[in-house]
Amino acid sequence: MSKGVFLDRDGVLVVPETRDGRSYAPRRLEDYRFYHDGWDSLSRLKSAGFLLVVVTNQPDVGKGLISHAVIEEMHERLVRELHVDVVKACTHRQGENCPCRKPAPGMLLEAIREFQLDPRECFMIGDRASDITAGRAVGCRGVFIERGYTEPTPQDADFVVTSMAEAADVVLRHSRRRAA
């Protein structure tokens, strides 16, 4: 079995729009940009043998506020520019009770099966409590990136950091299996 890092998209790799202390996914390609430390951080994780899986809730698609084509282009950029291995997205709205919408672990479970990942060798990096909850549900260690939002922070994160670079440092330092 392999090791992996699950990453939320907005607030972790992609700079979100912030309104009233809350984070929102960009809806236009021209507003879609990566944090400055994303490429280097992911390169270091990939060099250490981690599969990089983005798991993201994108309810604005289900609400009709952004098209599937725009989301697909955004995700193609993640793969092309940041060398993410795969992007899994839930486009359902919160009230639809979808088993893949975080905090439910559906997207993570799908990737674990698809790529034969060992959850004990995996980390979930996120900027919301729902990310950490999803990771904990499958047995991953949770790395919470504190971005100063006004919403509640997770109480069960294994690690708390302030940037993707710090998150990568934590993963590399606490990985149980080192790269060969």
Protein backbone atom coordinates (compact mmCIF):
# COMPACT_ATOMS: atom_id res chain seq x y z
CA MET A 1 0.00 0.00 0.00
CA SER A 2 1.06 3.57 -0.72
CA LYS A 3 1.16 6.79 1.25
CA GLY A 4 -0.71 9.92 0.30
CA VAL A 5 -1.57 13.47 1.19
CA PHE A 6 -5.16 14.63 0.84
CA LEU A 7 -5.44 18.35 0.30
CA ASP A 8 -8.40 20.66 0.43
CA ARG A 9 -8.37 23.11 -2.49
CA ASP A 10 -9.52 26.57 -1.42
CA GLY A 11 -7.58 28.00 1.52
CA VAL A 12 -4.87 25.36 1.16
CA LEU A 13 -3.62 25.52 -2.44
CA VAL A 14 -5.92 28.16 -3.94
CA VAL A 15 -6.26 31.66 -2.50
CA PRO A 16 -9.93 32.01 -1.56
CA GLU A 17 -12.11 35.08 -1.63
CA THR A 18 -12.68 36.23 1.95
CA ARG A 19 -15.84 38.04 3.00
CA ASP A 20 -16.85 38.78 6.59
CA GLY A 21 -14.14 36.48 7.92
CA ARG A 22 -15.29 33.51 5.83
CA SER A 23 -13.60 31.75 2.93
CA TYR A 24 -15.28 31.34 -0.47
CA ALA A 25 -14.07 29.53 -3.59
CA PRO A 26 -13.23 31.73 -6.57
CA ARG A 27 -15.87 31.47 -9.29
CA ARG A 28 -13.95 32.98 -12.20
CA LEU A 29 -10.74 31.78 -13.83
CA GLU A 30 -9.25 35.25 -13.59
CA ASP A 31 -9.67 35.13 -9.77
CA TYR A 32 -8.18 31.63 -9.48
CA ARG A 33 -4.61 31.79 -8.16
CA PHE A 34 -2.33 29.59 -6.08
CA TYR A 35 -0.61 30.38 -2.81
CA HIS A 36 3.06 31.26 -3.40
CA ASP A 37 4.32 28.24 -1.42
CA GLY A 38 2.15 25.61 -3.12
CA TRP A 39 4.44 24.43 -5.90
CA ASP A 40 7.53 24.00 -3.72
CA SER A 41 5.54 22.35 -0.92
CA LEU A 42 3.90 19.83 -3.23
CA SER A 43 7.19 19.14 -5.01
CA ARG A 44 8.80 18.22 -1.70
CA LEU A 45 5.89 15.91 -0.79
CA LYS A 46 5.94 14.26 -4.21
CA SER A 47 9.72 13.74 -3.98
CA ALA A 48 9.16 11.96 -0.66
CA GLY A 49 6.86 9.47 -2.39
CA PHE A 50 3.42 10.84 -1.49
CA LEU A 51 0.47 10.60 -3.86
CA LEU A 52 -1.19 14.05 -3.92
CA VAL A 53 -4.99 13.98 -3.93
CA VAL A 54 -7.09 17.14 -3.82
CA VAL A 55 -10.51 16.55 -2.22
CA THR A 56 -12.77 19.57 -2.52
CA ASN A 57 -16.38 20.55 -1.91
CA GLN A 58 -17.59 22.76 -4.74
CA PRO A 59 -21.28 23.43 -3.97
CA ASP A 60 -21.37 26.51 -6.21
CA VAL A 61 -21.63 24.11 -9.17
CA GLY A 62 -24.75 22.52 -7.65
CA LYS A 63 -26.14 25.99 -6.98
CA GLY A 64 -25.59 26.98 -10.62
CA LEU A 65 -23.11 29.74 -9.72
CA ILE A 66 -20.19 28.24 -11.66
CA SER A 67 -20.14 25.83 -14.59
CA HIS A 68 -18.64 22.35 -14.70
CA ALA A 69 -16.38 23.56 -17.52
CA VAL A 70 -14.84 26.31 -15.35
CA ILE A 71 -14.32 23.90 -12.42
CA GLU A 72 -12.70 21.38 -14.77
CA GLU A 73 -10.31 24.03 -16.11
CA MET A 74 -9.41 25.04 -12.55
CA HIS A 75 -8.68 21.44 -11.66
CA GLU A 76 -6.67 20.86 -14.83
CA ARG A 77 -4.49 23.80 -13.74
CA LEU A 78 -3.94 22.12 -10.35
CA VAL A 79 -2.69 19.00 -12.10
CA ARG A 80 -0.68 20.83 -14.75
CA GLU A 81 0.88 23.61 -12.65
CA LEU A 82 1.16 22.11 -9.16
CA HIS A 83 1.61 18.50 -10.30
CA VAL A 84 -1.28 17.19 -8.20
CA ASP A 85 -1.94 13.53 -9.05
CA VAL A 86 -5.73 13.62 -8.94
CA VAL A 87 -8.59 15.98 -8.06
CA LYS A 88 -11.84 14.69 -6.58
CA ALA A 89 -14.69 17.17 -6.27
CA CYS A 90 -18.12 16.99 -4.71
CA THR A 91 -20.45 19.44 -6.44
CA HIS A 92 -23.48 18.74 -4.27
CA ARG A 93 -25.00 21.38 -2.02
CA GLN A 94 -24.82 21.02 1.74
CA GLY A 95 -28.43 19.88 2.24
CA GLU A 96 -28.18 17.00 -0.25
CA ASN A 97 -26.48 14.67 2.29
CA CYS A 98 -23.98 13.41 -0.25
CA PRO A 99 -21.60 10.77 1.19
CA CYS A 100 -18.65 12.36 -0.61
CA ARG A 101 -19.21 15.91 0.68
CA LYS A 102 -16.80 16.68 3.51
CA PRO A 103 -17.04 16.17 6.46
CA ALA A 104 -18.22 12.81 5.06
CA PRO A 105 -15.21 10.74 3.94
CA GLY A 106 -16.49 9.54 0.55
CA MET A 107 -13.88 11.23 -1.66
CA LEU A 108 -11.05 10.02 0.58
CA LEU A 109 -12.40 6.47 0.69
CA GLU A 110 -12.68 6.43 -3.10
CA ALA A 111 -9.04 7.52 -3.48
CA ILE A 112 -7.88 5.02 -0.84
CA ARG A 113 -9.48 2.18 -2.82
CA GLU A 114 -8.48 3.50 -6.23
CA PHE A 115 -4.81 4.05 -5.38
CA GLN A 116 -4.39 1.41 -2.65
CA LEU A 117 -3.43 3.98 -0.04
CA ASP A 118 -2.77 3.04 3.57
CA PRO A 119 -4.73 5.63 5.61
CA ARG A 120 -2.24 5.25 8.48
CA GLU A 121 0.41 6.54 6.05
CA CYS A 122 -1.76 9.45 4.90
CA PHE A 123 -2.37 13.03 5.99
CA MET A 124 -5.32 15.35 5.39
CA ILE A 125 -4.38 19.02 5.03
CA GLY A 126 -7.24 21.49 5.31
CA ASP A 127 -8.31 24.91 6.47
CA ARG A 128 -11.70 23.92 7.91
CA ALA A 129 -12.96 21.58 10.59
CA SER A 130 -14.82 19.55 7.92
CA ASP A 131 -11.49 18.68 6.25
CA ILE A 132 -9.99 17.37 9.46
CA THR A 133 -13.17 15.43 10.31
CA ALA A 134 -13.13 13.70 6.91
CA GLY A 135 -9.49 12.73 7.33
CA ARG A 136 -9.99 11.44 10.85
CA ALA A 137 -12.95 9.33 9.66
CA VAL A 138 -10.61 7.25 7.47
CA GLY A 139 -7.67 7.13 9.90
CA CYS A 140 -5.48 9.92 8.49
CA ARG A 141 -3.57 12.40 10.57
CA GLY A 142 -4.98 15.90 10.24
CA VAL A 143 -2.97 19.04 9.52
CA PHE A 144 -5.04 22.19 10.02
CA ILE A 145 -3.92 25.40 8.31
CA GLU A 146 -5.13 28.25 10.50
CA ARG A 147 -6.18 31.11 8.19
CA GLY A 148 -7.95 33.23 10.81
CA TYR A 149 -11.52 32.62 9.63
CA THR A 150 -14.37 33.46 11.99
CA GLU A 151 -15.79 29.92 11.81
CA PRO A 152 -14.98 27.28 14.46
CA THR A 153 -11.62 25.55 14.24
CA PRO A 154 -11.21 21.78 14.60
CA GLN A 155 -10.47 20.47 18.06
CA ASP A 156 -9.05 17.15 16.85
CA ALA A 157 -6.31 18.21 14.41
CA ASP A 158 -3.01 16.44 14.99
CA PHE A 159 -1.06 19.51 13.88
CA VAL A 160 -1.87 23.22 13.49
CA VAL A 161 0.17 25.38 11.08
CA THR A 162 -0.23 28.69 9.27
CA SER A 163 0.86 27.86 5.70
CA MET A 164 1.17 25.09 3.14
CA ALA A 165 4.95 25.21 3.53
CA GLU A 166 4.61 24.50 7.26
CA ALA A 167 2.09 21.74 6.51
CA ALA A 168 4.56 20.06 4.15
CA ASP A 169 7.29 20.32 6.80
CA VAL A 170 5.01 18.60 9.35
CA VAL A 171 4.09 15.80 6.94
CA LEU A 172 7.72 15.16 6.03
CA ARG A 173 8.83 15.24 9.64
CA HIS A 174 6.07 12.91 10.87
CA SER A 175 5.81 10.48 7.99
CA ARG A 176 6.11 6.91 9.25
CA ARG A 177 7.66 5.58 6.04
CA ARG A 178 10.42 7.63 4.47
CA ALA A 179 11.10 7.66 0.74
CA ALA A 180 13.56 4.97 -0.36
